[in-house]
Amino acid sequence: MGTGPGRRPSTQPACPRCGRSHHLPIPFRKKGSDGPATSAHPARLWKRDGGEARVSRFEPHPYGIHRIHRGEPTMNIHTAAKRRLGSAAAVLALGLGGGLLAAAPASASGFVPLSADSAVEIRAAFSGKCLEVADSRTDDGAPVRQAACTGDDNQQWQVRNGYVVNVNSGKCLEAPGWSTAAGTAIDQWTCNGGDNQRWGKVNVNGDTQAVVNFHSGLLLDVAGANANDGTPVIQWYADNHANQRWSLNPAG
């Protein structure tokens, strides 16, 4: 098919920031299987420095996060942190500094959005403390932390279809700047409908669950498992620790 009059063929790479691309079959071991890994979905891996990426082992994680071993530092691939390409593909974010991205057919239905019928307190299961916007601030970028529950509006949240809106400020809980980096401090921002402002529930156990960011695939985490008031809340890799478990309790 021609490019048409007045049009030039695109010279932009498929991943503008990623350098040379590589097509690799990713070895995959089914959950619960002790057998050898088998080659499953072929994926394209890009490395921003143009270097070659070789996958030697691929291990599924119960939260939908998969670990890739390349004979180099381990990387995490978040299978549900995806952007659709048309109707049949997803971009999967890799969590370490090797700068890799993977494109593969979409197979997961995605996360179950958080939701609640009325305003809630979001409590850290390990400390019993509440998620709050610091100092009742209403500005974009105000940090989110844990503190002793007081019932104040800055500790109350409306939760609809994955969007978590602070009652005091009317702003959304988000991973700032569309960050996919572990350790990024969570803040509030004017609601814009982005997936970095959308949160889902995974690994539900009774009244508690892990809370996952739709964009990054990382979990809401009380930094350092510190139970003190004022401890920042960040996004972090799933590690099955209590500082990543939360309950949604009716406010008031």
Protein backbone atom coordinates (compact mmCIF):
# COMPACT_ATOMS: atom_id res chain seq x y z
CA MET A 1 0.00 0.00 0.00
CA GLY A 2 1.41 3.38 -1.00
CA THR A 3 1.93 6.35 1.19
CA GLY A 4 -0.26 8.61 -0.97
CA PRO A 5 0.59 11.95 -2.52
CA GLY A 6 2.31 14.40 -0.26
CA ARG A 7 2.91 11.82 2.49
CA ARG A 8 6.20 10.32 3.55
CA PRO A 9 6.74 6.90 5.07
CA SER A 10 7.13 7.13 8.84
CA THR A 11 10.68 6.75 10.09
CA GLN A 12 9.67 6.86 13.75
CA PRO A 13 10.48 3.63 15.63
CA ALA A 14 7.61 1.64 17.11
CA CYS A 15 8.74 2.76 20.55
CA PRO A 16 10.07 6.32 20.09
CA ARG A 17 12.14 6.35 23.30
CA CYS A 18 13.28 2.76 23.29
CA GLY A 19 15.89 2.18 20.60
CA ARG A 20 16.21 -1.13 18.74
CA SER A 21 13.48 -3.75 19.13
CA HIS A 22 13.85 -7.47 19.73
CA HIS A 23 11.32 -10.26 19.20
CA LEU A 24 11.67 -12.93 21.86
CA PRO A 25 9.53 -15.90 22.87
CA ILE A 26 9.02 -15.50 26.63
CA PRO A 27 9.32 -18.79 28.55
CA PHE A 28 6.27 -19.20 30.77
CA ARG A 29 5.58 -21.52 33.68
CA LYS A 30 1.95 -21.97 34.70
CA LYS A 31 1.05 -21.00 38.26
CA GLY A 32 1.51 -23.94 40.61
CA SER A 33 3.55 -25.91 38.10
CA ASP A 34 6.97 -27.27 39.01
CA GLY A 35 7.70 -28.34 35.45
CA PRO A 36 10.07 -26.62 33.07
CA ALA A 37 9.14 -23.28 31.60
CA THR A 38 7.69 -23.45 28.12
CA SER A 39 7.70 -20.87 25.38
CA ALA A 40 4.32 -19.18 25.26
CA HIS A 41 3.34 -15.72 24.02
CA PRO A 42 5.98 -14.17 21.78
CA ALA A 43 6.73 -10.62 22.85
CA ARG A 44 8.74 -7.71 21.54
CA LEU A 45 11.25 -6.32 24.01
CA TRP A 46 12.84 -2.92 23.58
CA LYS A 47 15.89 -1.74 25.42
CA ARG A 48 16.45 1.98 25.47
CA ASP A 49 20.20 1.70 25.06
CA GLY A 50 19.73 -0.46 21.97
CA GLY A 51 21.29 -3.48 23.69
CA GLU A 52 20.04 -7.04 23.40
CA ALA A 53 17.63 -8.49 25.97
CA ARG A 54 17.72 -12.23 26.58
CA VAL A 55 15.11 -13.90 28.76
CA SER A 56 16.18 -17.07 30.53
CA ARG A 57 13.34 -17.65 32.98
CA PHE A 58 9.82 -16.30 33.53
CA GLU A 59 7.99 -16.82 36.83
CA PRO A 60 4.33 -15.87 37.45
CA HIS A 61 3.41 -14.00 40.62
CA PRO A 62 -0.01 -14.43 42.29
CA TYR A 63 -0.81 -10.70 41.96
CA GLY A 64 -0.45 -10.71 38.16
CA ILE A 65 3.15 -9.56 38.31
CA HIS A 66 5.69 -11.76 36.57
CA ARG A 67 9.39 -11.95 37.24
CA ILE A 68 11.86 -12.21 34.39
CA HIS A 69 15.41 -13.48 34.90
CA ARG A 70 17.93 -12.62 32.18
CA GLY A 71 21.17 -13.65 33.84
CA GLU A 72 21.22 -10.00 34.92
CA PRO A 73 19.26 -8.12 37.60
CA THR A 74 15.71 -9.44 37.87
CA MET A 75 12.90 -7.40 36.33
CA ASN A 76 9.17 -7.43 37.03
CA ILE A 77 6.53 -7.39 34.31
CA HIS A 78 3.07 -6.25 35.31
CA THR A 79 0.66 -8.14 33.09
CA ALA A 80 -2.42 -6.13 34.02
CA ALA A 81 -0.76 -2.72 33.79
CA LYS A 82 -1.57 -2.43 30.14
CA ARG A 83 -2.50 0.04 27.46
CA ARG A 84 -4.55 -1.40 24.64
CA LEU A 85 -3.23 -1.22 21.09
CA GLY A 86 -6.46 -1.42 19.09
CA SER A 87 -8.49 -4.25 20.58
CA ALA A 88 -5.94 -7.04 20.81
CA ALA A 89 -2.64 -5.84 22.26
CA ALA A 90 -1.32 -4.42 25.49
CA VAL A 91 1.80 -2.61 26.58
CA LEU A 92 3.27 -4.23 29.67
CA ALA A 93 5.45 -2.11 31.92
CA LEU A 94 8.68 -3.63 33.22
CA GLY A 95 9.60 -2.49 36.66
CA LEU A 96 13.39 -2.12 36.84
CA GLY A 97 15.82 0.39 35.45
CA GLY A 98 16.82 -1.71 32.45
CA GLY A 99 14.38 0.40 30.44
CA LEU A 100 12.49 -2.45 28.79
CA LEU A 101 8.94 -2.48 27.50
CA ALA A 102 7.04 -5.49 26.18
CA ALA A 103 4.19 -5.66 23.70
CA ALA A 104 2.10 -8.83 23.71
CA PRO A 105 -1.48 -9.91 23.00
CA ALA A 106 -3.90 -8.86 25.73
CA SER A 107 -5.20 -11.88 27.59
CA ALA A 108 -6.14 -10.63 31.06
CA SER A 109 -9.44 -8.90 31.76
CA GLY A 110 -7.65 -6.37 33.96
CA PHE A 111 -8.10 -5.33 37.58
CA VAL A 112 -11.38 -5.15 39.48
CA PRO A 113 -11.94 -1.43 40.22
CA LEU A 114 -12.27 -0.31 43.82
CA SER A 115 -15.78 0.82 44.64
CA ALA A 116 -17.85 1.76 47.68
CA ASP A 117 -21.46 2.84 48.13
CA SER A 118 -20.66 5.77 50.42
CA ALA A 119 -17.69 7.70 51.81
CA VAL A 120 -15.06 5.47 53.40
CA GLU A 121 -11.92 5.55 55.47
CA ILE A 122 -9.09 3.59 53.85
CA ARG A 123 -7.20 1.91 56.67
CA ALA A 124 -3.80 0.27 56.59
CA ALA A 125 -4.38 -3.22 57.94
CA PHE A 126 -1.02 -3.51 59.71
CA SER A 127 -1.15 -0.16 61.56
CA GLY A 128 -4.88 0.54 61.80
CA LYS A 129 -4.19 4.08 60.58
CA CYS A 130 -6.01 6.04 57.90
CA LEU A 131 -5.01 7.21 54.46
CA GLU A 132 -5.14 11.01 54.45
CA VAL A 133 -4.17 14.07 52.45
CA ALA A 134 -1.50 15.81 54.50
CA ASP A 135 -2.62 18.84 56.52
CA SER A 136 -6.06 18.91 54.84
CA ARG A 137 -4.44 20.46 51.78
CA THR A 138 -6.51 21.06 48.66
CA ASP A 139 -3.73 21.80 46.14
CA ASP A 140 -2.59 19.56 43.31
CA GLY A 141 0.41 17.47 44.33
CA ALA A 142 -0.39 17.44 48.06
CA PRO A 143 1.14 14.27 49.54
CA VAL A 144 -0.83 11.35 50.89
CA ARG A 145 0.23 9.61 54.10
CA GLN A 146 -1.07 7.51 56.98
CA ALA A 147 -2.18 9.00 60.29
CA ALA A 148 -4.29 8.10 63.29
CA CYS A 149 -7.93 8.06 62.24
CA THR A 150 -9.79 11.23 63.24
CA GLY A 151 -12.92 11.16 61.09
CA ASP A 152 -11.90 14.42 59.39
CA ASP A 153 -12.83 15.00 55.76
CA ASN A 154 -9.21 14.75 54.59
CA GLN A 155 -9.34 11.10 55.68
CA GLN A 156 -12.60 10.36 53.88
CA TRP A 157 -12.81 9.13 50.31
CA GLN A 158 -15.50 8.60 47.70
CA VAL A 159 -14.66 5.52 45.66
CA ARG A 160 -16.36 5.02 42.29
CA ASN A 161 -15.26 2.65 39.54
CA GLY A 162 -11.66 2.77 40.71
CA TYR A 163 -11.35 6.53 41.21
CA VAL A 164 -10.59 7.48 44.82
CA VAL A 165 -11.68 11.07 45.52
CA ASN A 166 -10.83 12.93 48.72
CA VAL A 167 -13.95 14.36 50.39
CA ASN A 168 -12.12 17.48 51.62
CA SER A 169 -10.37 18.48 48.40
CA GLY A 170 -12.46 16.79 45.72
CA LYS A 171 -9.21 15.58 44.12
CA CYS A 172 -8.12 12.11 43.05
CA LEU A 173 -5.57 9.75 44.54
CA GLU A 174 -2.89 9.21 41.90
CA ALA A 175 0.54 7.93 40.99
CA PRO A 176 2.02 11.31 39.98
CA GLY A 177 3.37 11.95 36.52
CA TRP A 178 2.18 8.56 35.27
CA SER A 179 5.14 7.10 37.13
CA THR A 180 5.77 3.36 36.97
CA ALA A 181 8.71 3.56 39.39
CA ALA A 182 8.56 1.67 42.66
CA GLY A 183 8.92 4.07 45.58
CA THR A 184 7.02 6.93 43.94
CA ALA A 185 5.11 8.85 46.63
CA ILE A 186 1.35 8.96 46.05
CA ASP A 187 -0.38 12.34 45.95
CA GLN A 188 -3.69 13.97 45.01
CA TRP A 189 -4.44 15.74 41.74
CA THR A 190 -7.38 17.22 39.90
CA CYS A 191 -9.36 14.25 38.57
CA ASN A 192 -8.75 13.70 34.85
CA GLY A 193 -9.87 10.13 34.19
CA GLY A 194 -6.34 8.79 33.69
CA ASP A 195 -5.41 5.23 34.60
CA ASN A 196 -2.74 6.61 36.95
CA GLN A 197 -5.70 7.84 39.03
CA ARG A 198 -7.53 4.53 38.91
CA TRP A 199 -7.16 1.81 41.52
CA GLY A 200 -8.19 -1.82 41.70
CA LYS A 201 -8.39 -4.53 44.31
CA VAL A 202 -6.36 -7.74 44.19
CA ASN A 203 -5.69 -10.60 46.59
CA VAL A 204 -8.91 -9.93 48.52
CA ASN A 205 -8.96 -11.76 51.85
CA GLY A 206 -11.96 -11.06 54.06
CA ASP A 207 -12.24 -7.33 54.67
CA THR A 208 -8.78 -6.49 53.36
CA GLN A 209 -7.20 -6.34 49.95
CA ALA A 210 -4.15 -5.10 48.14
CA VAL A 211 -4.80 -1.92 46.14
CA VAL A 212 -3.18 -1.73 42.71
CA ASN A 213 -2.66 1.22 40.37
CA PHE A 214 -4.16 0.57 36.94
CA HIS A 215 -1.31 2.30 35.12
CA SER A 216 1.80 1.10 36.94
CA GLY A 217 0.61 -2.25 38.26
CA LEU A 218 2.26 -1.40 41.58
CA LEU A 219 0.57 -1.65 44.97
CA LEU A 220 -0.40 1.02 47.48
CA ASP A 221 2.17 0.62 50.25
CA VAL A 222 2.95 2.27 53.61
CA ALA A 223 6.63 3.09 53.12
CA GLY A 224 9.02 0.87 55.04
CA ALA A 225 6.17 -0.80 56.95
CA ASN A 226 6.48 2.13 59.36
CA ALA A 227 3.51 2.44 61.73
CA ASN A 228 4.20 6.08 62.68
CA ASP A 229 1.86 8.95 61.90
CA GLY A 230 2.97 10.87 58.83
CA THR A 231 4.58 7.92 57.06
CA PRO A 232 4.32 8.47 53.29
CA VAL A 233 2.21 6.15 51.17
CA ILE A 234 4.00 5.01 48.02
CA GLN A 235 3.58 2.52 45.20
CA TRP A 236 5.69 -0.62 45.41
CA TYR A 237 6.11 -4.10 43.98
CA ALA A 238 3.77 -6.74 45.39
CA ASP A 239 5.53 -8.48 48.26
CA ASN A 240 2.62 -9.96 50.25
CA HIS A 241 3.48 -7.89 53.33
CA ALA A 242 0.87 -6.45 55.70
CA ASN A 243 1.79 -2.83 54.87
CA GLN A 244 0.23 -3.43 51.43
CA ARG A 245 -3.17 -4.51 52.77
CA TRP A 246 -6.07 -2.09 53.19
CA SER A 247 -9.68 -2.06 54.32
CA LEU A 248 -12.46 0.28 53.22
CA ASN A 249 -14.59 1.19 56.22
CA PRO A 250 -17.71 3.40 56.26
CA ALA A 251 -16.72 6.92 57.30
CA GLY A 252 -18.20 8.66 60.31
